PDB file of all heavy atoms in Angstrom:
ATOM      1  N   GLU A   1       0.830  -1.206   0.000  1.00  0.00           N
ATOM      2  CA  GLU A   1       0.000   0.000   0.000  1.00  0.00           C
ATOM      3  C   GLU A   1       0.865   1.257   0.000  1.00  0.00           C
ATOM      4  O   GLU A   1       1.772   1.402   0.828  1.00  0.00           O
ATOM      5  CB  GLU A   1      -0.902   0.009   1.239  1.00  0.00           C
ATOM      6  CG  GLU A   1      -1.776   1.249   1.341  1.00  0.00           C
ATOM      7  CD  GLU A   1      -2.526   1.342   2.668  1.00  0.00           C
ATOM      8  OE1 GLU A   1      -2.335   0.465   3.532  1.00  0.00           O
ATOM      9  OE2 GLU A   1      -3.293   2.311   2.824  1.00  0.00           O
ATOM     10  N   TYR A   2       0.565   2.152  -0.938  1.00  0.00           N
ATOM     11  CA  TYR A   2       1.132   3.492  -0.949  1.00  0.00           C
ATOM     12  C   TYR A   2      -0.009   4.491  -0.805  1.00  0.00           C
ATOM     13  O   TYR A   2      -1.188   4.116  -0.856  1.00  0.00           O
ATOM     14  CB  TYR A   2       1.899   3.742  -2.251  1.00  0.00           C
ATOM     15  CG  TYR A   2       3.186   2.944  -2.348  1.00  0.00           C
ATOM     16  CD1 TYR A   2       3.175   1.639  -2.832  1.00  0.00           C
ATOM     17  CD2 TYR A   2       4.391   3.487  -1.931  1.00  0.00           C
ATOM     18  CE1 TYR A   2       4.348   0.894  -2.912  1.00  0.00           C
ATOM     19  CE2 TYR A   2       5.577   2.755  -2.005  1.00  0.00           C
ATOM     20  CZ  TYR A   2       5.540   1.465  -2.493  1.00  0.00           C
ATOM     21  OH  TYR A   2       6.708   0.736  -2.557  1.00  0.00           O
ATOM     22  N   THR A   3       0.311   5.739  -0.657  1.00  0.00           N
ATOM     23  CA  THR A   3      -0.731   6.745  -0.429  1.00  0.00           C
ATOM     24  C   THR A   3      -1.664   6.901  -1.623  1.00  0.00           C
ATOM     25  O   THR A   3      -2.819   7.291  -1.469  1.00  0.00           O
ATOM     26  CB  THR A   3      -0.103   8.117  -0.108  1.00  0.00           C
ATOM     27  OG1 THR A   3       0.786   8.478  -1.182  1.00  0.00           O
ATOM     28  CG2 THR A   3       0.666   8.064   1.203  1.00  0.00           C
ATOM     29  N   ASP A   4      -1.177   6.573  -2.823  1.00  0.00           N
ATOM     30  CA  ASP A   4      -1.979   6.806  -4.024  1.00  0.00           C
ATOM     31  C   ASP A   4      -2.167   5.576  -4.898  1.00  0.00           C
ATOM     32  O   ASP A   4      -2.801   5.656  -5.955  1.00  0.00           O
ATOM     33  CB  ASP A   4      -1.339   7.913  -4.866  1.00  0.00           C
ATOM     34  CG  ASP A   4       0.082   7.561  -5.297  1.00  0.00           C
ATOM     35  OD1 ASP A   4       0.703   6.678  -4.667  1.00  0.00           O
ATOM     36  OD2 ASP A   4       0.574   8.175  -6.265  1.00  0.00           O
ATOM     37  N   LYS A   5      -1.644   4.408  -4.487  1.00  0.00           N
ATOM     38  CA  LYS A   5      -1.721   3.229  -5.358  1.00  0.00           C
ATOM     39  C   LYS A   5      -1.335   1.977  -4.572  1.00  0.00           C
ATOM     40  O   LYS A   5      -0.822   2.058  -3.448  1.00  0.00           O
ATOM     41  CB  LYS A   5      -0.790   3.393  -6.561  1.00  0.00           C
ATOM     42  CG  LYS A   5       0.669   3.653  -6.176  1.00  0.00           C
ATOM     43  CD  LYS A   5       1.498   4.043  -7.394  1.00  0.00           C
ATOM     44  CE  LYS A   5       2.916   4.441  -6.968  1.00  0.00           C
ATOM     45  NZ  LYS A   5       3.734   4.875  -8.131  1.00  0.00           N
ATOM     46  N   PHE A   6      -1.568   0.823  -5.222  1.00  0.00           N
ATOM     47  CA  PHE A   6      -1.225  -0.469  -4.635  1.00  0.00           C
ATOM     48  C   PHE A   6      -0.395  -1.279  -5.618  1.00  0.00           C
ATOM     49  O   PHE A   6      -0.570  -1.189  -6.839  1.00  0.00           O
ATOM     50  CB  PHE A   6      -2.483  -1.269  -4.294  1.00  0.00           C
ATOM     51  CG  PHE A   6      -3.313  -0.705  -3.184  1.00  0.00           C
ATOM     52  CD1 PHE A   6      -4.384   0.128  -3.462  1.00  0.00           C
ATOM     53  CD2 PHE A   6      -3.033  -1.006  -1.857  1.00  0.00           C
ATOM     54  CE1 PHE A   6      -5.168   0.652  -2.453  1.00  0.00           C
ATOM     55  CE2 PHE A   6      -3.804  -0.488  -0.832  1.00  0.00           C
ATOM     56  CZ  PHE A   6      -4.872   0.350  -1.129  1.00  0.00           C
ATOM     57  N   LEU A   7       0.465  -2.114  -5.058  1.00  0.00           N
ATOM     58  CA  LEU A   7       1.269  -3.082  -5.808  1.00  0.00           C
ATOM     59  C   LEU A   7       0.957  -4.462  -5.255  1.00  0.00           C
ATOM     60  O   LEU A   7       0.969  -4.669  -4.035  1.00  0.00           O
ATOM     61  CB  LEU A   7       2.757  -2.773  -5.641  1.00  0.00           C
ATOM     62  CG  LEU A   7       3.764  -3.863  -6.025  1.00  0.00           C
ATOM     63  CD1 LEU A   7       3.758  -4.108  -7.537  1.00  0.00           C
ATOM     64  CD2 LEU A   7       5.168  -3.475  -5.557  1.00  0.00           C
ATOM     65  N   LEU A   8       0.675  -5.412  -6.143  1.00  0.00           N
ATOM     66  CA  LEU A   8       0.450  -6.798  -5.731  1.00  0.00           C
ATOM     67  C   LEU A   8       1.664  -7.608  -6.153  1.00  0.00           C
ATOM     68  O   LEU A   8       2.020  -7.646  -7.340  1.00  0.00           O
ATOM     69  CB  LEU A   8      -0.820  -7.336  -6.387  1.00  0.00           C
ATOM     70  CG  LEU A   8      -1.401  -8.660  -5.867  1.00  0.00           C
ATOM     71  CD1 LEU A   8      -1.746  -8.566  -4.385  1.00  0.00           C
ATOM     72  CD2 LEU A   8      -2.622  -9.047  -6.677  1.00  0.00           C
ATOM     73  N   LEU A   9       2.330  -8.230  -5.177  1.00  0.00           N
ATOM     74  CA  LEU A   9       3.601  -8.884  -5.452  1.00  0.00           C
ATOM     75  C   LEU A   9       3.471 -10.190  -6.223  1.00  0.00           C
ATOM     76  O   LEU A   9       4.485 -10.764  -6.621  1.00  0.00           O
ATOM     77  CB  LEU A   9       4.362  -9.143  -4.142  1.00  0.00           C
ATOM     78  CG  LEU A   9       4.808  -7.910  -3.366  1.00  0.00           C
ATOM     79  CD1 LEU A   9       5.717  -8.324  -2.208  1.00  0.00           C
ATOM     80  CD2 LEU A   9       5.508  -6.889  -4.258  1.00  0.00           C
ATOM     81  N   ASP A  10       2.253 -10.681  -6.421  1.00  0.00           N
ATOM     82  CA  ASP A  10       2.080 -11.894  -7.220  1.00  0.00           C
ATOM     83  C   ASP A  10       0.648 -11.950  -7.724  1.00  0.00           C
ATOM     84  O   ASP A  10      -0.222 -11.220  -7.235  1.00  0.00           O
ATOM     85  CB  ASP A  10       2.419 -13.144  -6.407  1.00  0.00           C
ATOM     86  CG  ASP A  10       3.173 -14.180  -7.223  1.00  0.00           C
ATOM     87  OD1 ASP A  10       3.050 -14.168  -8.469  1.00  0.00           O
ATOM     88  OD2 ASP A  10       3.888 -15.007  -6.630  1.00  0.00           O
ATOM     89  N   GLY A  11       0.412 -12.840  -8.706  1.00  0.00           N
ATOM     90  CA  GLY A  11      -0.885 -12.899  -9.374  1.00  0.00           C
ATOM     91  C   GLY A  11      -1.950 -13.689  -8.663  1.00  0.00           C
ATOM     92  O   GLY A  11      -3.099 -13.728  -9.129  1.00  0.00           O
ATOM     93  N   CYS A  12      -1.606 -14.363  -7.557  1.00  0.00           N
ATOM     94  CA  CYS A  12      -2.576 -15.041  -6.687  1.00  0.00           C
ATOM     95  C   CYS A  12      -3.433 -16.074  -7.423  1.00  0.00           C
ATOM     96  O   CYS A  12      -3.155 -16.423  -8.568  1.00  0.00           O
ATOM     97  CB  CYS A  12      -3.475 -14.022  -5.994  1.00  0.00           C
ATOM     98  SG  CYS A  12      -2.591 -12.743  -5.106  1.00  0.00           S
ATOM     99  N   CYS A  13      -4.450 -16.591  -6.729  1.00  0.00           N
ATOM    100  CA  CYS A  13      -5.449 -17.497  -7.303  1.00  0.00           C
ATOM    101  C   CYS A  13      -6.639 -16.694  -7.810  1.00  0.00           C
ATOM    102  O   CYS A  13      -6.926 -15.606  -7.309  1.00  0.00           O
ATOM    103  CB  CYS A  13      -5.978 -18.465  -6.246  1.00  0.00           C
ATOM    104  SG  CYS A  13      -4.869 -19.785  -5.766  1.00  0.00           S
ATOM    105  N   ARG A  14      -7.334 -17.264  -8.752  1.00  0.00           N
ATOM    106  CA  ARG A  14      -8.585 -16.633  -9.199  1.00  0.00           C
ATOM    107  C   ARG A  14      -9.527 -16.443  -8.019  1.00  0.00           C
ATOM    108  O   ARG A  14     -10.227 -15.437  -7.926  1.00  0.00           O
ATOM    109  CB  ARG A  14      -9.226 -17.507 -10.275  1.00  0.00           C
ATOM    110  CG  ARG A  14     -10.553 -16.956 -10.781  1.00  0.00           C
ATOM    111  CD  ARG A  14     -11.103 -17.784 -11.897  1.00  0.00           C
ATOM    112  NE  ARG A  14     -12.382 -17.256 -12.356  1.00  0.00           N
ATOM    113  CZ  ARG A  14     -12.818 -17.325 -13.591  1.00  0.00           C
ATOM    114  NH1 ARG A  14     -12.075 -17.904 -14.509  1.00  0.00           N
ATOM    115  NH2 ARG A  14     -13.984 -16.832 -13.928  1.00  0.00           N
ATOM    116  N   ALA A  15      -9.547 -17.382  -7.092  1.00  0.00           N
ATOM    117  CA  ALA A  15     -10.437 -17.307  -5.937  1.00  0.00           C
ATOM    118  C   ALA A  15     -10.076 -16.174  -4.981  1.00  0.00           C
ATOM    119  O   ALA A  15     -10.875 -15.833  -4.096  1.00  0.00           O
ATOM    120  CB  ALA A  15     -10.418 -18.637  -5.184  1.00  0.00           C
ATOM    121  N   ASP A  16      -8.901 -15.576  -5.137  1.00  0.00           N
ATOM    122  CA  ASP A  16      -8.467 -14.499  -4.243  1.00  0.00           C
ATOM    123  C   ASP A  16      -8.982 -13.128  -4.653  1.00  0.00           C
ATOM    124  O   ASP A  16      -8.824 -12.165  -3.891  1.00  0.00           O
ATOM    125  CB  ASP A  16      -6.931 -14.454  -4.185  1.00  0.00           C
ATOM    126  CG  ASP A  16      -6.336 -15.665  -3.509  1.00  0.00           C
ATOM    127  OD1 ASP A  16      -6.872 -16.075  -2.463  1.00  0.00           O
ATOM    128  OD2 ASP A  16      -5.339 -16.203  -4.020  1.00  0.00           O
ATOM    129  N   ILE A  17      -9.590 -13.006  -5.830  1.00  0.00           N
ATOM    130  CA  ILE A  17     -10.004 -11.681  -6.315  1.00  0.00           C
ATOM    131  C   ILE A  17     -10.960 -10.985  -5.340  1.00  0.00           C
ATOM    132  O   ILE A  17     -10.727  -9.824  -4.969  1.00  0.00           O
ATOM    133  CB  ILE A  17     -10.605 -11.786  -7.728  1.00  0.00           C
ATOM    134  CG1 ILE A  17      -9.512 -12.203  -8.728  1.00  0.00           C
ATOM    135  CG2 ILE A  17     -11.238 -10.463  -8.149  1.00  0.00           C
ATOM    136  CD1 ILE A  17     -10.026 -12.540 -10.111  1.00  0.00           C
ATOM    137  N   PRO A  18     -12.030 -11.637  -4.872  1.00  0.00           N
ATOM    138  CA  PRO A  18     -12.908 -10.935  -3.919  1.00  0.00           C
ATOM    139  C   PRO A  18     -12.218 -10.629  -2.594  1.00  0.00           C
ATOM    140  O   PRO A  18     -12.548  -9.625  -1.948  1.00  0.00           O
ATOM    141  CB  PRO A  18     -14.082 -11.908  -3.726  1.00  0.00           C
ATOM    142  CG  PRO A  18     -13.592 -13.233  -4.202  1.00  0.00           C
ATOM    143  CD  PRO A  18     -12.592 -12.943  -5.271  1.00  0.00           C
ATOM    144  N   VAL A  19     -11.263 -11.457  -2.194  1.00  0.00           N
ATOM    145  CA  VAL A  19     -10.516 -11.195  -0.951  1.00  0.00           C
ATOM    146  C   VAL A  19      -9.713  -9.906  -1.090  1.00  0.00           C
ATOM    147  O   VAL A  19      -9.712  -9.052  -0.197  1.00  0.00           O
ATOM    148  CB  VAL A  19      -9.583 -12.381  -0.631  1.00  0.00           C
ATOM    149  CG1 VAL A  19      -8.701 -12.061   0.574  1.00  0.00           C
ATOM    150  CG2 VAL A  19     -10.377 -13.647  -0.383  1.00  0.00           C
ATOM    151  N   ILE A  20      -9.036  -9.757  -2.222  1.00  0.00           N
ATOM    152  CA  ILE A  20      -8.236  -8.548  -2.466  1.00  0.00           C
ATOM    153  C   ILE A  20      -9.136  -7.317  -2.545  1.00  0.00           C
ATOM    154  O   ILE A  20      -8.852  -6.272  -1.936  1.00  0.00           O
ATOM    155  CB  ILE A  20      -7.426  -8.711  -3.764  1.00  0.00           C
ATOM    156  CG1 ILE A  20      -6.431  -9.863  -3.631  1.00  0.00           C
ATOM    157  CG2 ILE A  20      -6.686  -7.412  -4.107  1.00  0.00           C
ATOM    158  CD1 ILE A  20      -5.826 -10.320  -4.949  1.00  0.00           C
ATOM    159  N   GLN A  21     -10.239  -7.442  -3.278  1.00  0.00           N
ATOM    160  CA  GLN A  21     -11.153  -6.310  -3.420  1.00  0.00           C
ATOM    161  C   GLN A  21     -11.739  -5.890  -2.075  1.00  0.00           C
ATOM    162  O   GLN A  21     -11.762  -4.694  -1.735  1.00  0.00           O
ATOM    163  CB  GLN A  21     -12.275  -6.643  -4.397  1.00  0.00           C
ATOM    164  CG  GLN A  21     -13.245  -5.477  -4.614  1.00  0.00           C
ATOM    165  CD  GLN A  21     -14.272  -5.752  -5.703  1.00  0.00           C
ATOM    166  OE1 GLN A  21     -14.343  -6.861  -6.235  1.00  0.00           O
ATOM    167  NE2 GLN A  21     -15.065  -4.756  -6.038  1.00  0.00           N
ATOM    168  N   GLN A  22     -12.206  -6.850  -1.290  1.00  0.00           N
ATOM    169  CA  GLN A  22     -12.795  -6.525   0.010  1.00  0.00           C
ATOM    170  C   GLN A  22     -11.772  -5.920   0.952  1.00  0.00           C
ATOM    171  O   GLN A  22     -12.088  -5.003   1.723  1.00  0.00           O
ATOM    172  CB  GLN A  22     -13.415  -7.780   0.611  1.00  0.00           C
ATOM    173  CG  GLN A  22     -14.676  -8.242  -0.097  1.00  0.00           C
ATOM    174  CD  GLN A  22     -15.143  -9.611   0.349  1.00  0.00           C
ATOM    175  OE1 GLN A  22     -14.803 -10.066   1.441  1.00  0.00           O
ATOM    176  NE2 GLN A  22     -15.919 -10.282  -0.489  1.00  0.00           N
ATOM    177  N   PHE A  23     -10.538  -6.402   0.889  1.00  0.00           N
ATOM    178  CA  PHE A  23      -9.513  -5.841   1.772  1.00  0.00           C
ATOM    179  C   PHE A  23      -9.245  -4.383   1.427  1.00  0.00           C
ATOM    180  O   PHE A  23      -9.158  -3.524   2.313  1.00  0.00           O
ATOM    181  CB  PHE A  23      -8.220  -6.654   1.679  1.00  0.00           C
ATOM    182  CG  PHE A  23      -7.192  -6.240   2.693  1.00  0.00           C
ATOM    183  CD1 PHE A  23      -7.218  -6.749   3.976  1.00  0.00           C
ATOM    184  CD2 PHE A  23      -6.213  -5.307   2.373  1.00  0.00           C
ATOM    185  CE1 PHE A  23      -6.290  -6.358   4.927  1.00  0.00           C
ATOM    186  CE2 PHE A  23      -5.282  -4.905   3.309  1.00  0.00           C
ATOM    187  CZ  PHE A  23      -5.319  -5.425   4.592  1.00  0.00           C
ATOM    188  N   ILE A  24      -9.100  -4.090   0.131  1.00  0.00           N
ATOM    189  CA  ILE A  24      -8.822  -2.718  -0.287  1.00  0.00           C
ATOM    190  C   ILE A  24     -10.003  -1.796   0.028  1.00  0.00           C
ATOM    191  O   ILE A  24      -9.826  -0.697   0.588  1.00  0.00           O
ATOM    192  CB  ILE A  24      -8.493  -2.672  -1.793  1.00  0.00           C
ATOM    193  CG1 ILE A  24      -7.118  -3.330  -2.055  1.00  0.00           C
ATOM    194  CG2 ILE A  24      -8.485  -1.229  -2.315  1.00  0.00           C
ATOM    195  CD1 ILE A  24      -6.765  -3.468  -3.522  1.00  0.00           C
ATOM    196  N   GLU A  25     -11.206  -2.246  -0.285  1.00  0.00           N
ATOM    197  CA  GLU A  25     -12.368  -1.373  -0.151  1.00  0.00           C
ATOM    198  C   GLU A  25     -12.897  -1.297   1.279  1.00  0.00           C
ATOM    199  O   GLU A  25     -13.222  -0.204   1.773  1.00  0.00           O
ATOM    200  CB  GLU A  25     -13.477  -1.852  -1.087  1.00  0.00           C
ATOM    201  CG  GLU A  25     -13.129  -1.682  -2.568  1.00  0.00           C
ATOM    202  CD  GLU A  25     -14.239  -2.123  -3.500  1.00  0.00           C
ATOM    203  OE1 GLU A  25     -15.157  -2.848  -3.036  1.00  0.00           O
ATOM    204  OE2 GLU A  25     -14.189  -1.756  -4.685  1.00  0.00           O
ATOM    205  N   LEU A  26     -12.983  -2.445   1.957  1.00  0.00           N
ATOM    206  CA  LEU A  26     -13.604  -2.468   3.278  1.00  0.00           C
ATOM    207  C   LEU A  26     -12.595  -2.256   4.404  1.00  0.00           C
ATOM    208  O   LEU A  26     -12.861  -1.487   5.340  1.00  0.00           O
ATOM    209  CB  LEU A  26     -14.348  -3.789   3.477  1.00  0.00           C
ATOM    210  CG  LEU A  26     -15.461  -4.083   2.460  1.00  0.00           C
ATOM    211  CD1 LEU A  26     -16.144  -5.401   2.789  1.00  0.00           C
ATOM    212  CD2 LEU A  26     -16.467  -2.946   2.404  1.00  0.00           C
ATOM    213  N   GLN A  27     -11.470  -2.928   4.333  1.00  0.00           N
ATOM    214  CA  GLN A  27     -10.476  -2.794   5.404  1.00  0.00           C
ATOM    215  C   GLN A  27      -9.724  -1.470   5.323  1.00  0.00           C
ATOM    216  O   GLN A  27      -9.456  -0.836   6.347  1.00  0.00           O
ATOM    217  CB  GLN A  27      -9.470  -3.954   5.338  1.00  0.00           C
ATOM    218  CG  GLN A  27     -10.055  -5.323   5.576  1.00  0.00           C
ATOM    219  CD  GLN A  27     -10.102  -5.685   7.053  1.00  0.00           C
ATOM    220  OE1 GLN A  27     -10.127  -4.821   7.910  1.00  0.00           O
ATOM    221  NE2 GLN A  27     -10.103  -6.969   7.342  1.00  0.00           N
ATOM    222  N   LEU A  28      -9.374  -1.069   4.112  1.00  0.00           N
ATOM    223  CA  LEU A  28      -8.549   0.129   3.952  1.00  0.00           C
ATOM    224  C   LEU A  28      -9.347   1.361   3.535  1.00  0.00           C
ATOM    225  O   LEU A  28      -8.830   2.477   3.597  1.00  0.00           O
ATOM    226  CB  LEU A  28      -7.436  -0.129   2.925  1.00  0.00           C
ATOM    227  CG  LEU A  28      -6.491  -1.286   3.258  1.00  0.00           C
ATOM    228  CD1 LEU A  28      -5.453  -1.445   2.148  1.00  0.00           C
ATOM    229  CD2 LEU A  28      -5.806  -1.080   4.598  1.00  0.00           C
ATOM    230  N   GLY A  29     -10.595   1.156   3.084  1.00  0.00           N
ATOM    231  CA  GLY A  29     -11.407   2.278   2.663  1.00  0.00           C
ATOM    232  C   GLY A  29     -10.891   2.968   1.422  1.00  0.00           C
ATOM    233  O   GLY A  29     -11.042   4.182   1.245  1.00  0.00           O
ATOM    234  N   ARG A  30     -10.276   2.191   0.545  1.00  0.00           N
ATOM    235  CA  ARG A  30      -9.690   2.741  -0.680  1.00  0.00           C
ATOM    236  C   ARG A  30     -10.445   2.195  -1.891  1.00  0.00           C
ATOM    237  O   ARG A  30     -11.310   1.331  -1.777  1.00  0.00           O
ATOM    238  CB  ARG A  30      -8.202   2.346  -0.771  1.00  0.00           C
ATOM    239  CG  ARG A  30      -7.328   2.820   0.403  1.00  0.00           C
ATOM    240  CD  ARG A  30      -6.842   4.229   0.221  1.00  0.00           C
ATOM    241  NE  ARG A  30      -5.970   4.317  -0.939  1.00  0.00           N
ATOM    242  CZ  ARG A  30      -4.637   4.103  -0.892  1.00  0.00           C
ATOM    243  NH1 ARG A  30      -4.044   3.765   0.259  1.00  0.00           N
ATOM    244  NH2 ARG A  30      -3.905   4.239  -1.983  1.00  0.00           N
ATOM    245  N   LYS A  31     -10.104   2.687  -3.082  1.00  0.00           N
ATOM    246  CA  LYS A  31     -10.743   2.239  -4.312  1.00  0.00           C
ATOM    247  C   LYS A  31     -10.002   1.045  -4.892  1.00  0.00           C
ATOM    248  O   LYS A  31      -8.763   1.025  -4.928  1.00  0.00           O
ATOM    249  CB  LYS A  31     -10.775   3.374  -5.338  1.00  0.00           C
ATOM    250  CG  LYS A  31     -11.635   4.552  -4.930  1.00  0.00           C
ATOM    251  CD  LYS A  31     -11.587   5.640  -5.990  1.00  0.00           C
ATOM    252  CE  LYS A  31     -12.438   6.846  -5.587  1.00  0.00           C
ATOM    253  NZ  LYS A  31     -12.354   7.929  -6.611  1.00  0.00           N
ATOM    254  N   PHE A  32     -10.769   0.063  -5.358  1.00  0.00           N
ATOM    255  CA  PHE A  32     -10.186  -1.122  -6.000  1.00  0.00           C
ATOM    256  C   PHE A  32      -9.357  -0.707  -7.222  1.00  0.00           C
ATOM    257  O   PHE A  32      -8.341  -1.318  -7.544  1.00  0.00           O
ATOM    258  CB  PHE A  32     -11.306  -2.074  -6.402  1.00  0.00           C
ATOM    259  CG  PHE A  32     -10.865  -3.481  -6.729  1.00  0.00           C
ATOM    260  CD1 PHE A  32      -9.738  -4.044  -6.145  1.00  0.00           C
ATOM    261  CD2 PHE A  32     -11.614  -4.262  -7.612  1.00  0.00           C
ATOM    262  CE1 PHE A  32      -9.352  -5.348  -6.443  1.00  0.00           C
ATOM    263  CE2 PHE A  32     -11.236  -5.554  -7.913  1.00  0.00           C
ATOM    264  CZ  PHE A  32     -10.101  -6.094  -7.327  1.00  0.00           C
ATOM    265  N   SER A  33      -9.779   0.349  -7.883  1.00  0.00           N
ATOM    266  CA  SER A  33      -9.084   0.828  -9.083  1.00  0.00           C
ATOM    267  C   SER A  33      -7.714   1.422  -8.783  1.00  0.00           C
ATOM    268  O   SER A  33      -6.958   1.731  -9.707  1.00  0.00           O
ATOM    269  CB  SER A  33      -9.941   1.874  -9.804  1.00  0.00           C
ATOM    270  OG  SER A  33     -10.213   2.971  -8.951  1.00  0.00           O
ATOM    271  N   GLU A  34      -7.381   1.573  -7.507  1.00  0.00           N
ATOM    272  CA  GLU A  34      -6.047   2.072  -7.138  1.00  0.00           C
ATOM    273  C   GLU A  34      -4.977   0.982  -7.247  1.00  0.00           C
ATOM    274  O   GLU A  34      -3.791   1.270  -7.094  1.00  0.00           O
ATOM    275  CB  GLU A  34      -6.060   2.658  -5.730  1.00  0.00           C
ATOM    276  CG  GLU A  34      -6.846   3.942  -5.608  1.00  0.00           C
ATOM    277  CD  GLU A  34      -6.813   4.524  -4.205  1.00  0.00           C
ATOM    278  OE1 GLU A  34      -5.770   5.083  -3.810  1.00  0.00           O
ATOM    279  OE2 GLU A  34      -7.831   4.389  -3.485  1.00  0.00           O
ATOM    280  N   LEU A  35      -5.408  -0.257  -7.492  1.00  0.00           N
ATOM    281  CA  LEU A  35      -4.437  -1.311  -7.765  1.00  0.00           C
ATOM    282  C   LEU A  35      -3.751  -0.966  -9.088  1.00  0.00           C
ATOM    283  O   LEU A  35      -4.379  -0.949 -10.138  1.00  0.00           O
ATOM    284  CB  LEU A  35      -5.129  -2.671  -7.852  1.00  0.00           C
ATOM    285  CG  LEU A  35      -4.208  -3.869  -8.117  1.00  0.00           C
ATOM    286  CD1 LEU A  35      -3.202  -4.056  -6.989  1.00  0.00           C
ATOM    287  CD2 LEU A  35      -5.024  -5.145  -8.311  1.00  0.00           C
ATOM    288  N   ALA A  36      -2.440  -0.705  -9.025  1.00  0.00           N
ATOM    289  CA  ALA A  36      -1.731  -0.169 -10.187  1.00  0.00           C
ATOM    290  C   ALA A  36      -0.910  -1.212 -10.928  1.00  0.00           C
ATOM    291  O   ALA A  36      -0.784  -1.148 -12.149  1.00  0.00           O
ATOM    292  CB  ALA A  36      -0.825   0.987  -9.756  1.00  0.00           C
ATOM    293  N   LEU A  37      -0.334  -2.163 -10.197  1.00  0.00           N
ATOM    294  CA  LEU A  37       0.567  -3.128 -10.839  1.00  0.00           C
ATOM    295  C   LEU A  37       0.458  -4.477 -10.150  1.00  0.00           C
ATOM    296  O   LEU A  37       0.460  -4.559  -8.916  1.00  0.00           O
ATOM    297  CB  LEU A  37       2.016  -2.639 -10.770  1.00  0.00           C
ATOM    298  CG  LEU A  37       3.073  -3.525 -11.441  1.00  0.00           C
ATOM    299  CD1 LEU A  37       2.887  -3.538 -12.961  1.00  0.00           C
ATOM    300  CD2 LEU A  37       4.484  -3.041 -11.097  1.00  0.00           C
ATOM    301  N   VAL A  38       0.367  -5.525 -10.957  1.00  0.00           N
ATOM    302  CA  VAL A  38       0.423  -6.908 -10.480  1.00  0.00           C
ATOM    303  C   VAL A  38       1.638  -7.556 -11.130  1.00  0.00           C
ATOM    304  O   VAL A  38       1.766  -7.542 -12.364  1.00  0.00           O
ATOM    305  CB  VAL A  38      -0.848  -7.693 -10.850  1.00  0.00           C
ATOM    306  CG1 VAL A  38      -0.714  -9.160 -10.424  1.00  0.00           C
ATOM    307  CG2 VAL A  38      -2.073  -7.065 -10.215  1.00  0.00           C
ATOM    308  N   VAL A  39       2.525  -8.103 -10.322  1.00  0.00           N
ATOM    309  CA  VAL A  39       3.669  -8.849 -10.847  1.00  0.00           C
ATOM    310  C   VAL A  39       3.327 -10.334 -10.807  1.00  0.00           C
ATOM    311  O   VAL A  39       2.915 -10.845  -9.762  1.00  0.00           O
ATOM    312  CB  VAL A  39       4.948  -8.583 -10.034  1.00  0.00           C
ATOM    313  CG1 VAL A  39       6.126  -9.331 -10.648  1.00  0.00           C
ATOM    314  CG2 VAL A  39       5.255  -7.089  -9.967  1.00  0.00           C
ATOM    315  N   VAL A  40       3.474 -11.013 -11.924  1.00  0.00           N
ATOM    316  CA  VAL A  40       3.268 -12.460 -11.990  1.00  0.00           C
ATOM    317  C   VAL A  40       4.651 -13.101 -11.912  1.00  0.00           C
ATOM    318  O   VAL A  40       5.449 -12.992 -12.839  1.00  0.00           O
ATOM    319  CB  VAL A  40       2.533 -12.855 -13.287  1.00  0.00           C
ATOM    320  CG1 VAL A  40       2.503 -14.382 -13.431  1.00  0.00           C
ATOM    321  CG2 VAL A  40       1.123 -12.289 -13.289  1.00  0.00           C
ATOM    322  N   THR A  41       4.938 -13.780 -10.795  1.00  0.00           N
ATOM    323  CA  THR A  41       6.274 -14.348 -10.618  1.00  0.00           C
ATOM    324  C   THR A  41       6.488 -15.607 -11.447  1.00  0.00           C
ATOM    325  O   THR A  41       7.612 -15.921 -11.823  1.00  0.00           O
ATOM    326  CB  THR A  41       6.559 -14.675  -9.145  1.00  0.00           C
ATOM    327  OG1 THR A  41       5.636 -15.676  -8.681  1.00  0.00           O
ATOM    328  CG2 THR A  41       6.464 -13.426  -8.280  1.00  0.00           C
ATOM    329  N   HIS A  42       5.427 -16.342 -11.710  1.00  0.00           N
ATOM    330  CA  HIS A  42       5.444 -17.476 -12.635  1.00  0.00           C
ATOM    331  C   HIS A  42       3.994 -17.866 -12.893  1.00  0.00           C
ATOM    332  O   HIS A  42       3.081 -17.289 -12.301  1.00  0.00           O
ATOM    333  CB  HIS A  42       6.290 -18.646 -12.118  1.00  0.00           C
ATOM    334  CG  HIS A  42       5.851 -19.226 -10.807  1.00  0.00           C
ATOM    335  ND1 HIS A  42       5.974 -18.559  -9.602  1.00  0.00           N
ATOM    336  CD2 HIS A  42       5.301 -20.438 -10.496  1.00  0.00           C
ATOM    337  CE1 HIS A  42       5.525 -19.324  -8.617  1.00  0.00           C
ATOM    338  NE2 HIS A  42       5.102 -20.460  -9.132  1.00  0.00           N
TER     339      HIS A  42
END
């Protein structure tokens, strides 16, 4: 988490998408669209 954007260090599982969205929106009170970069390690 940065003040204006988010970085995801890996591409996760498809099942993790709602977990990531809920964490950003509900836990942090931020916009899901602030996710700026996803790195896929493999």
